[in-house]
PDB file of N, CA and C in Angstrom:
ATOM      1  N   MET A   1       7.344  12.950 -33.168  1.00  0.00           N
ATOM      2  CA  MET A   1       7.190  13.606 -31.873  1.00  0.00           C
ATOM      3  C   MET A   1       7.992  14.900 -31.857  1.00  0.00           C
ATOM      4  N   LEU A   2       7.388  15.919 -31.288  1.00  0.00           N
ATOM      5  CA  LEU A   2       8.047  17.216 -31.244  1.00  0.00           C
ATOM      6  C   LEU A   2       9.112  17.254 -30.162  1.00  0.00           C
ATOM      7  N   PRO A   3      10.252  17.877 -30.473  1.00  0.00           N
ATOM      8  CA  PRO A   3      11.283  18.038 -29.442  1.00  0.00           C
ATOM      9  C   PRO A   3      10.899  19.159 -28.481  1.00  0.00           C
ATOM     10  N   ILE A   4      11.514  19.152 -27.312  1.00  0.00           N
ATOM     11  CA  ILE A   4      11.335  20.243 -26.345  1.00  0.00           C
ATOM     12  C   ILE A   4      12.446  21.256 -26.636  1.00  0.00           C
ATOM     13  N   ILE A   5      12.053  22.476 -26.968  1.00  0.00           N
ATOM     14  CA  ILE A   5      13.017  23.479 -27.423  1.00  0.00           C
ATOM     15  C   ILE A   5      12.839  24.774 -26.646  1.00  0.00           C
ATOM     16  N   LYS A   6      13.940  25.391 -26.288  1.00  0.00           N
ATOM     17  CA  LYS A   6      13.919  26.723 -25.684  1.00  0.00           C
ATOM     18  C   LYS A   6      13.962  27.753 -26.822  1.00  0.00           C
ATOM     19  N   GLY A   7      13.516  28.956 -26.540  1.00  0.00           N
ATOM     20  CA  GLY A   7      13.441  29.993 -27.571  1.00  0.00           C
ATOM     21  C   GLY A   7      14.770  30.292 -28.242  1.00  0.00           C
ATOM     22  N   LYS A   8      15.839  30.436 -27.455  1.00  0.00           N
ATOM     23  CA  LYS A   8      17.143  30.771 -28.032  1.00  0.00           C
ATOM     24  C   LYS A   8      17.660  29.649 -28.927  1.00  0.00           C
ATOM     25  N   THR A   9      17.369  28.399 -28.544  1.00  0.00           N
ATOM     26  CA  THR A   9      17.779  27.262 -29.370  1.00  0.00           C
ATOM     27  C   THR A   9      17.029  27.274 -30.690  1.00  0.00           C
ATOM     28  N   LEU A  10      15.728  27.564 -30.648  1.00  0.00           N
ATOM     29  CA  LEU A  10      14.937  27.626 -31.874  1.00  0.00           C
ATOM     30  C   LEU A  10      15.447  28.734 -32.794  1.00  0.00           C
ATOM     31  N   ILE A  11      15.817  29.864 -32.223  1.00  0.00           N
ATOM     32  CA  ILE A  11      16.342  30.970 -33.035  1.00  0.00           C
ATOM     33  C   ILE A  11      17.632  30.537 -33.730  1.00  0.00           C
ATOM     34  N   SER A  12      18.534  29.895 -33.007  1.00  0.00           N
ATOM     35  CA  SER A  12      19.786  29.416 -33.608  1.00  0.00           C
ATOM     36  C   SER A  12      19.508  28.426 -34.726  1.00  0.00           C
ATOM     37  N   PHE A  13      18.559  27.516 -34.490  1.00  0.00           N
ATOM     38  CA  PHE A  13      18.199  26.523 -35.505  1.00  0.00           C
ATOM     39  C   PHE A  13      17.610  27.201 -36.736  1.00  0.00           C
ATOM     40  N   LEU A  14      16.708  28.160 -36.534  1.00  0.00           N
ATOM     41  CA  LEU A  14      16.097  28.854 -37.670  1.00  0.00           C
ATOM     42  C   LEU A  14      17.137  29.622 -38.481  1.00  0.00           C
ATOM     43  N   GLU A  15      18.169  30.132 -37.811  1.00  0.00           N
ATOM     44  CA  GLU A  15      19.236  30.834 -38.531  1.00  0.00           C
ATOM     45  C   GLU A  15      19.960  29.881 -39.477  1.00  0.00           C
ATOM     46  N   THR A  16      20.088  28.603 -39.093  1.00  0.00           N
ATOM     47  CA  THR A  16      20.723  27.626 -39.991  1.00  0.00           C
ATOM     48  C   THR A  16      19.827  27.321 -41.186  1.00  0.00           C
ATOM     49  N   LEU A  17      18.513  27.589 -41.042  1.00  0.00           N
ATOM     50  CA  LEU A  17      17.572  27.379 -42.150  1.00  0.00           C
ATOM     51  C   LEU A  17      17.446  28.627 -43.032  1.00  0.00           C
ATOM     52  N   GLY A  18      18.207  29.672 -42.726  1.00  0.00           N
ATOM     53  CA  GLY A  18      18.192  30.871 -43.557  1.00  0.00           C
ATOM     54  C   GLY A  18      17.345  32.012 -43.018  1.00  0.00           C
ATOM     55  N   PHE A  19      16.822  31.887 -41.823  1.00  0.00           N
ATOM     56  CA  PHE A  19      16.051  32.972 -41.221  1.00  0.00           C
ATOM     57  C   PHE A  19      17.005  33.970 -40.569  1.00  0.00           C
ATOM     58  N   VAL A  20      16.632  35.239 -40.608  1.00  0.00           N
ATOM     59  CA  VAL A  20      17.420  36.278 -39.953  1.00  0.00           C
ATOM     60  C   VAL A  20      16.508  37.062 -39.016  1.00  0.00           C
ATOM     61  N   ILE A  21      17.098  37.592 -37.950  1.00  0.00           N
ATOM     62  CA  ILE A  21      16.337  38.400 -36.996  1.00  0.00           C
ATOM     63  C   ILE A  21      16.112  39.768 -37.611  1.00  0.00           C
ATOM     64  N   ILE A  22      14.843  40.177 -37.672  1.00  0.00           N
ATOM     65  CA  ILE A  22      14.564  41.498 -38.228  1.00  0.00           C
ATOM     66  C   ILE A  22      14.237  42.514 -37.142  1.00  0.00           C
ATOM     67  N   ARG A  23      13.736  42.019 -35.997  1.00  0.00           N
ATOM     68  CA  ARG A  23      13.526  42.933 -34.859  1.00  0.00           C
ATOM     69  C   ARG A  23      13.226  42.133 -33.600  1.00  0.00           C
ATOM     70  N   GLN A  24      13.375  42.813 -32.471  1.00  0.00           N
ATOM     71  CA  GLN A  24      13.020  42.211 -31.191  1.00  0.00           C
ATOM     72  C   GLN A  24      12.262  43.248 -30.389  1.00  0.00           C
ATOM     73  N   LYS A  25      11.159  42.817 -29.820  1.00  0.00           N
ATOM     74  CA  LYS A  25      10.385  43.707 -28.959  1.00  0.00           C
ATOM     75  C   LYS A  25      10.123  42.940 -27.676  1.00  0.00           C
ATOM     76  N   GLY A  26      10.749  43.383 -26.609  1.00  0.00           N
ATOM     77  CA  GLY A  26      10.614  42.679 -25.338  1.00  0.00           C
ATOM     78  C   GLY A  26      11.210  41.289 -25.445  1.00  0.00           C
ATOM     79  N   SER A  27      10.414  40.287 -25.099  1.00  0.00           N
ATOM     80  CA  SER A  27      10.924  38.924 -25.118  1.00  0.00           C
ATOM     81  C   SER A  27      10.492  38.155 -26.371  1.00  0.00           C
ATOM     82  N   HIS A  28      10.163  38.876 -27.445  1.00  0.00           N
ATOM     83  CA  HIS A  28       9.754  38.236 -28.680  1.00  0.00           C
ATOM     84  C   HIS A  28      10.660  38.679 -29.829  1.00  0.00           C
ATOM     85  N   VAL A  29      11.157  37.689 -30.573  1.00  0.00           N
ATOM     86  CA  VAL A  29      12.055  37.955 -31.690  1.00  0.00           C
ATOM     87  C   VAL A  29      11.319  37.649 -32.988  1.00  0.00           C
ATOM     88  N   ARG A  30      11.316  38.596 -33.905  1.00  0.00           N
ATOM     89  CA  ARG A  30      10.677  38.427 -35.218  1.00  0.00           C
ATOM     90  C   ARG A  30      11.758  38.023 -36.211  1.00  0.00           C
ATOM     91  N   MET A  31      11.493  36.946 -36.975  1.00  0.00           N
ATOM     92  CA  MET A  31      12.475  36.448 -37.934  1.00  0.00           C
ATOM     93  C   MET A  31      11.825  36.312 -39.312  1.00  0.00           C
ATOM     94  N   ARG A  32      12.657  36.461 -40.354  1.00  0.00           N
ATOM     95  CA  ARG A  32      12.160  36.341 -41.729  1.00  0.00           C
ATOM     96  C   ARG A  32      13.190  35.586 -42.555  1.00  0.00           C
ATOM     97  N   SER A  33      12.687  34.785 -43.492  1.00  0.00           N
ATOM     98  CA  SER A  33      13.580  34.081 -44.416  1.00  0.00           C
ATOM     99  C   SER A  33      13.620  34.836 -45.734  1.00  0.00           C
ATOM    100  N   GLU A  34      14.570  34.456 -46.589  1.00  0.00           N
ATOM    101  CA  GLU A  34      14.705  35.135 -47.880  1.00  0.00           C
ATOM    102  C   GLU A  34      13.470  34.958 -48.750  1.00  0.00           C
ATOM    103  N   ASP A  35      12.752  33.840 -48.576  1.00  0.00           N
ATOM    104  CA  ASP A  35      11.564  33.605 -49.407  1.00  0.00           C
ATOM    105  C   ASP A  35      10.297  34.242 -48.834  1.00  0.00           C
ATOM    106  N   GLY A  36      10.440  35.027 -47.752  1.00  0.00           N
ATOM    107  CA  GLY A  36       9.319  35.794 -47.239  1.00  0.00           C
ATOM    108  C   GLY A  36       8.587  35.194 -46.058  1.00  0.00           C
ATOM    109  N   ARG A  37       8.926  33.969 -45.664  1.00  0.00           N
ATOM    110  CA  ARG A  37       8.273  33.376 -44.494  1.00  0.00           C
ATOM    111  C   ARG A  37       8.715  34.122 -43.240  1.00  0.00           C
ATOM    112  N   CYS A  38       7.766  34.357 -42.326  1.00  0.00           N
ATOM    113  CA  CYS A  38       8.052  35.082 -41.081  1.00  0.00           C
ATOM    114  C   CYS A  38       7.545  34.285 -39.894  1.00  0.00           C
ATOM    115  N   THR A  39       8.199  34.482 -38.762  1.00  0.00           N
ATOM    116  CA  THR A  39       7.737  33.882 -37.520  1.00  0.00           C
ATOM    117  C   THR A  39       8.172  34.740 -36.346  1.00  0.00           C
ATOM    118  N   THR A  40       7.499  34.564 -35.236  1.00  0.00           N
ATOM    119  CA  THR A  40       7.853  35.232 -33.992  1.00  0.00           C
ATOM    120  C   THR A  40       8.172  34.159 -32.962  1.00  0.00           C
ATOM    121  N   VAL A  41       9.327  34.293 -32.317  1.00  0.00           N
ATOM    122  CA  VAL A  41       9.766  33.305 -31.331  1.00  0.00           C
ATOM    123  C   VAL A  41       9.857  33.969 -29.965  1.00  0.00           C
ATOM    124  N   PRO A  42       9.152  33.416 -28.955  1.00  0.00           N
ATOM    125  CA  PRO A  42       9.272  33.953 -27.605  1.00  0.00           C
ATOM    126  C   PRO A  42      10.551  33.445 -26.944  1.00  0.00           C
ATOM    127  N   ILE A  43      11.264  34.324 -26.248  1.00  0.00           N
ATOM    128  CA  ILE A  43      12.469  33.893 -25.539  1.00  0.00           C
ATOM    129  C   ILE A  43      12.347  34.242 -24.061  1.00  0.00           C
ATOM    130  N   HIS A  44      11.406  33.598 -23.417  1.00  0.00           N
ATOM    131  CA  HIS A  44      11.232  33.771 -21.973  1.00  0.00           C
ATOM    132  C   HIS A  44      12.293  32.927 -21.294  1.00  0.00           C
ATOM    133  N   SER A  45      13.121  33.553 -20.471  1.00  0.00           N
ATOM    134  CA  SER A  45      14.304  32.898 -19.928  1.00  0.00           C
ATOM    135  C   SER A  45      13.993  31.579 -19.225  1.00  0.00           C
ATOM    136  N   GLY A  46      14.675  30.551 -19.669  1.00  0.00           N
ATOM    137  CA  GLY A  46      14.573  29.246 -19.051  1.00  0.00           C
ATOM    138  C   GLY A  46      13.324  28.451 -19.383  1.00  0.00           C
ATOM    139  N   GLU A  47      12.388  29.027 -20.130  1.00  0.00           N
ATOM    140  CA  GLU A  47      11.145  28.323 -20.432  1.00  0.00           C
ATOM    141  C   GLU A  47      11.188  27.684 -21.810  1.00  0.00           C
ATOM    142  N   ASP A  48      10.584  26.497 -21.896  1.00  0.00           N
ATOM    143  CA  ASP A  48      10.457  25.818 -23.183  1.00  0.00           C
ATOM    144  C   ASP A  48       9.303  26.438 -23.954  1.00  0.00           C
ATOM    145  N   ILE A  49       9.372  26.327 -25.286  1.00  0.00           N
ATOM    146  CA  ILE A  49       8.262  26.794 -26.116  1.00  0.00           C
ATOM    147  C   ILE A  49       7.134  25.774 -25.981  1.00  0.00           C
ATOM    148  N   PRO A  50       5.918  26.222 -25.677  1.00  0.00           N
ATOM    149  CA  PRO A  50       4.798  25.281 -25.548  1.00  0.00           C
ATOM    150  C   PRO A  50       4.585  24.483 -26.836  1.00  0.00           C
ATOM    151  N   LYS A  51       4.194  23.214 -26.680  1.00  0.00           N
ATOM    152  CA  LYS A  51       4.031  22.308 -27.832  1.00  0.00           C
ATOM    153  C   LYS A  51       3.086  22.872 -28.884  1.00  0.00           C
ATOM    154  N   GLY A  52       1.963  23.435 -28.456  1.00  0.00           N
ATOM    155  CA  GLY A  52       0.987  23.973 -29.409  1.00  0.00           C
ATOM    156  C   GLY A  52       1.564  25.121 -30.218  1.00  0.00           C
ATOM    157  N   LEU A  53       2.298  25.996 -29.569  1.00  0.00           N
ATOM    158  CA  LEU A  53       2.919  27.121 -30.268  1.00  0.00           C
ATOM    159  C   LEU A  53       3.992  26.628 -31.227  1.00  0.00           C
ATOM    160  N   LEU A  54       4.794  25.658 -30.786  1.00  0.00           N
ATOM    161  CA  LEU A  54       5.831  25.111 -31.660  1.00  0.00           C
ATOM    162  C   LEU A  54       5.197  24.475 -32.893  1.00  0.00           C
ATOM    163  N   ARG A  55       4.113  23.740 -32.691  1.00  0.00           N
ATOM    164  CA  ARG A  55       3.406  23.106 -33.812  1.00  0.00           C
ATOM    165  C   ARG A  55       2.889  24.165 -34.784  1.00  0.00           C
ATOM    166  N   LYS A  56       2.354  25.276 -34.265  1.00  0.00           N
ATOM    167  CA  LYS A  56       1.853  26.371 -35.102  1.00  0.00           C
ATOM    168  C   LYS A  56       2.997  27.020 -35.892  1.00  0.00           C
ATOM    169  N   ILE A  57       4.125  27.244 -35.218  1.00  0.00           N
ATOM    170  CA  ILE A  57       5.283  27.839 -35.890  1.00  0.00           C
ATOM    171  C   ILE A  57       5.740  26.938 -37.036  1.00  0.00           C
ATOM    172  N   ILE A  58       5.817  25.633 -36.780  1.00  0.00           N
ATOM    173  CA  ILE A  58       6.294  24.690 -37.799  1.00  0.00           C
ATOM    174  C   ILE A  58       5.342  24.640 -38.989  1.00  0.00           C
ATOM    175  N   ARG A  59       4.067  24.430 -38.727  1.00  0.00           N
ATOM    176  CA  ARG A  59       3.098  24.230 -39.809  1.00  0.00           C
ATOM    177  C   ARG A  59       2.773  25.511 -40.568  1.00  0.00           C
ATOM    178  N   GLU A  60       2.461  26.582 -39.835  1.00  0.00           N
ATOM    179  CA  GLU A  60       1.971  27.796 -40.484  1.00  0.00           C
ATOM    180  C   GLU A  60       3.083  28.760 -40.876  1.00  0.00           C
ATOM    181  N   ASP A  61       4.047  28.970 -39.990  1.00  0.00           N
ATOM    182  CA  ASP A  61       5.082  29.970 -40.261  1.00  0.00           C
ATOM    183  C   ASP A  61       6.214  29.403 -41.119  1.00  0.00           C
ATOM    184  N   LEU A  62       6.715  28.226 -40.751  1.00  0.00           N
ATOM    185  CA  LEU A  62       7.821  27.624 -41.500  1.00  0.00           C
ATOM    186  C   LEU A  62       7.339  26.873 -42.725  1.00  0.00           C
ATOM    187  N   GLU A  63       6.045  26.544 -42.759  1.00  0.00           N
ATOM    188  CA  GLU A  63       5.442  25.790 -43.855  1.00  0.00           C
ATOM    189  C   GLU A  63       6.165  24.459 -44.066  1.00  0.00           C
ATOM    190  N   MET A  64       6.432  23.764 -42.960  1.00  0.00           N
ATOM    191  CA  MET A  64       7.093  22.458 -42.984  1.00  0.00           C
ATOM    192  C   MET A  64       6.157  21.440 -42.347  1.00  0.00           C
ATOM    193  N   SER A  65       6.363  20.178 -42.691  1.00  0.00           N
ATOM    194  CA  SER A  65       5.648  19.133 -41.966  1.00  0.00           C
ATOM    195  C   SER A  65       6.398  18.896 -40.656  1.00  0.00           C
ATOM    196  N   LEU A  66       5.715  18.272 -39.697  1.00  0.00           N
ATOM    197  CA  LEU A  66       6.364  17.987 -38.416  1.00  0.00           C
ATOM    198  C   LEU A  66       7.542  17.045 -38.624  1.00  0.00           C
ATOM    199  N   GLU A  67       7.411  16.121 -39.580  1.00  0.00           N
ATOM    200  CA  GLU A  67       8.497  15.171 -39.869  1.00  0.00           C
ATOM    201  C   GLU A  67       9.712  15.889 -40.466  1.00  0.00           C
ATOM    202  N   GLU A  68       9.469  16.800 -41.411  1.00  0.00           N
ATOM    203  CA  GLU A  68      10.574  17.568 -42.008  1.00  0.00           C
ATOM    204  C   GLU A  68      11.314  18.358 -40.931  1.00  0.00           C
ATOM    205  N   PHE A  69      10.545  18.993 -40.046  1.00  0.00           N
ATOM    206  CA  PHE A  69      11.141  19.784 -38.972  1.00  0.00           C
ATOM    207  C   PHE A  69      11.974  18.898 -38.058  1.00  0.00           C
ATOM    208  N   SER A  70      11.403  17.763 -37.646  1.00  0.00           N
ATOM    209  CA  SER A  70      12.108  16.857 -36.732  1.00  0.00           C
ATOM    210  C   SER A  70      13.411  16.364 -37.338  1.00  0.00           C
ATOM    211  N   ASN A  71      13.378  15.987 -38.626  1.00  0.00           N
ATOM    212  CA  ASN A  71      14.589  15.512 -39.293  1.00  0.00           C
ATOM    213  C   ASN A  71      15.653  16.608 -39.357  1.00  0.00           C
ATOM    214  N   ALA A  72      15.248  17.821 -39.735  1.00  0.00           N
ATOM    215  CA  ALA A  72      16.196  18.931 -39.831  1.00  0.00           C
ATOM    216  C   ALA A  72      16.753  19.277 -38.447  1.00  0.00           C
ATOM    217  N   TYR A  73      15.905  19.235 -37.424  1.00  0.00           N
ATOM    218  CA  TYR A  73      16.348  19.567 -36.072  1.00  0.00           C
ATOM    219  C   TYR A  73      17.320  18.516 -35.551  1.00  0.00           C
ATOM    220  N   GLN A  74      17.081  17.240 -35.851  1.00  0.00           N
ATOM    221  CA  GLN A  74      17.982  16.177 -35.426  1.00  0.00           C
ATOM    222  C   GLN A  74      19.363  16.363 -36.072  1.00  0.00           C
ATOM    223  N   LYS A  75      19.393  16.762 -37.349  1.00  0.00           N
ATOM    224  CA  LYS A  75      20.674  17.038 -38.024  1.00  0.00           C
ATOM    225  C   LYS A  75      21.380  18.197 -37.339  1.00  0.00           C
ATOM    226  N   TYR A  76      20.611  19.240 -36.994  1.00  0.00           N
ATOM    227  CA  TYR A  76      21.166  20.413 -36.320  1.00  0.00           C
ATOM    228  C   TYR A  76      21.770  20.030 -34.973  1.00  0.00           C
ATOM    229  N   ILE A  77      21.054  19.230 -34.197  1.00  0.00           N
ATOM    230  CA  ILE A  77      21.548  18.791 -32.883  1.00  0.00           C
ATOM    231  C   ILE A  77      22.814  17.958 -33.067  1.00  0.00           C
ATOM    232  N   GLY A  78      22.834  17.109 -34.096  1.00  0.00           N
ATOM    233  CA  GLY A  78      24.012  16.290 -34.377  1.00  0.00           C
ATOM    234  C   GLY A  78      25.227  17.131 -34.725  1.00  0.00           C
ATOM    235  N   MET A  79      25.001  18.255 -35.441  1.00  0.00           N
ATOM    236  CA  MET A  79      26.115  19.131 -35.817  1.00  0.00           C
ATOM    237  C   MET A  79      26.688  19.838 -34.588  1.00  0.00           C
ATOM    238  N   LYS A  80      25.837  20.130 -33.609  1.00  0.00           N
ATOM    239  CA  LYS A  80      26.284  20.872 -32.431  1.00  0.00           C
ATOM    240  C   LYS A  80      27.113  20.025 -31.493  1.00  0.00           C
ATOM    241  N   ARG A  81      26.964  18.696 -31.573  1.00  0.00           N
ATOM    242  CA  ARG A  81      27.675  17.815 -30.643  1.00  0.00           C
ATOM    243  C   ARG A  81      29.046  17.484 -31.128  1.00  0.00           C
TER     244      ARG A  81
END
């Protein structure tokens, strides 16, 4: 099951996976990893990322399975507490 994530939280999590912010235009942040994967994360204040968009980011942009993402995100949440 996908977690409910806000844009800023997703950006922080992606930074732990090696992604860096390459630019921001308005409320969208473009990120790239060292291996060339790119994604765009919306950071609309106070809004969660829609499930469909999160699923697209995970599968197509991050090239991860939903299970891999969930496991990595759970570790990230555990580190923050």
